[in-house]
Amino acid sequence: MEEFKDQAEQLFYHYKKNRLPVPNLRQQMLESGYMDTVYDDFRSELIVIKSGIVSSADEAQRCNVIIDELVQQLKDIVEG
């Protein structure tokens, strides 16, 4: 993630230095599938947290629903 951020900043300064129109980075991240990786990583981290605190199948099922809602909210914010 940090490497991508560094590359994005370098590209931004390149465009700015050469007075080129700066591309829509958000749109490029969505179109490239990069954000799908971010969503998957977010979901994975939430599942790791869930695994450490949930003790029953019912709790796990409720947590899965919450995780799905959180990932969807993140998608809505980013793609909104």
Protein backbone atom coordinates (compact mmCIF):
# COMPACT_ATOMS: atom_id res chain seq x y z
CA MET A 1 0.00 0.00 0.00
CA GLU A 2 2.82 2.39 0.90
CA GLU A 3 4.61 1.58 -2.37
CA PHE A 4 1.47 2.42 -4.35
CA LYS A 5 1.13 5.71 -2.47
CA ASP A 6 4.74 6.63 -3.27
CA GLN A 7 4.24 5.82 -6.96
CA ALA A 8 1.05 7.86 -7.06
CA GLU A 9 2.81 10.86 -5.54
CA GLN A 10 5.67 10.59 -8.04
CA LEU A 11 3.21 10.47 -10.92
CA PHE A 12 1.30 13.45 -9.54
CA TYR A 13 4.47 15.56 -9.34
CA HIS A 14 5.50 14.43 -12.83
CA TYR A 15 2.17 15.60 -14.25
CA LYS A 16 2.31 18.83 -12.28
CA LYS A 17 5.95 19.57 -13.26
CA ASN A 18 5.22 19.00 -16.95
CA ARG A 19 1.89 20.85 -16.77
CA LEU A 20 -0.05 17.84 -17.91
CA PRO A 21 -3.65 17.27 -16.86
CA VAL A 22 -3.61 15.09 -13.75
CA PRO A 23 -5.62 11.90 -14.27
CA ASN A 24 -8.36 10.96 -11.88
CA LEU A 25 -6.43 8.69 -9.54
CA ARG A 26 -9.52 7.50 -7.74
CA GLN A 27 -11.08 6.36 -11.00
CA GLN A 28 -7.87 4.62 -12.05
CA MET A 29 -7.69 2.75 -8.74
CA LEU A 30 -11.27 1.55 -9.20
CA GLU A 31 -10.81 0.56 -12.83
CA SER A 32 -7.51 -1.25 -12.22
CA GLY A 33 -9.03 -3.48 -9.56
CA TYR A 34 -6.69 -2.12 -6.90
CA MET A 35 -9.61 -1.16 -4.67
CA ASP A 36 -10.91 -4.74 -4.80
CA THR A 37 -7.63 -5.73 -3.15
CA VAL A 38 -8.14 -3.06 -0.51
CA TYR A 39 -11.67 -4.32 0.18
CA ASP A 40 -10.42 -7.91 0.44
CA ASP A 41 -7.61 -6.89 2.81
CA PHE A 42 -10.09 -4.94 4.94
CA ARG A 43 -12.41 -7.96 5.09
CA SER A 44 -9.48 -10.25 5.98
CA GLU A 45 -8.39 -8.00 8.83
CA LEU A 46 -11.93 -7.91 10.21
CA ILE A 47 -12.13 -11.71 10.02
CA VAL A 48 -8.86 -12.03 11.97
CA ILE A 49 -10.28 -9.75 14.66
CA LYS A 50 -13.53 -11.74 14.69
CA SER A 51 -11.66 -15.01 15.08
CA GLY A 52 -9.97 -13.71 18.20
CA ILE A 53 -13.14 -12.63 19.99
CA VAL A 54 -16.01 -14.82 18.77
CA SER A 55 -16.76 -18.06 20.58
CA SER A 56 -19.99 -19.38 19.07
CA ALA A 57 -21.37 -20.06 15.60
CA ASP A 58 -24.26 -17.63 16.19
CA GLU A 59 -21.87 -14.84 17.12
CA ALA A 60 -19.72 -15.65 14.09
CA GLN A 61 -22.74 -15.46 11.79
CA ARG A 62 -23.78 -12.09 13.22
CA CYS A 63 -20.21 -10.83 12.85
CA ASN A 64 -20.12 -11.98 9.23
CA VAL A 65 -23.21 -9.88 8.51
CA ILE A 66 -21.60 -6.86 10.19
CA ILE A 67 -18.36 -7.41 8.27
CA ASP A 68 -20.27 -7.55 4.98
CA GLU A 69 -22.05 -4.30 5.89
CA LEU A 70 -18.78 -2.58 6.81
CA VAL A 71 -17.12 -3.60 3.55
CA GLN A 72 -20.16 -2.39 1.61
CA GLN A 73 -20.08 0.93 3.45
CA LEU A 74 -16.40 1.32 2.56
CA LYS A 75 -17.21 0.59 -1.10
CA ASP A 76 -20.06 3.11 -1.03
CA ILE A 77 -17.78 5.80 0.41
CA VAL A 78 -14.95 5.19 -2.04
CA GLU A 79 -17.07 4.66 -5.13
CA GLY A 80 -19.80 7.08 -4.07
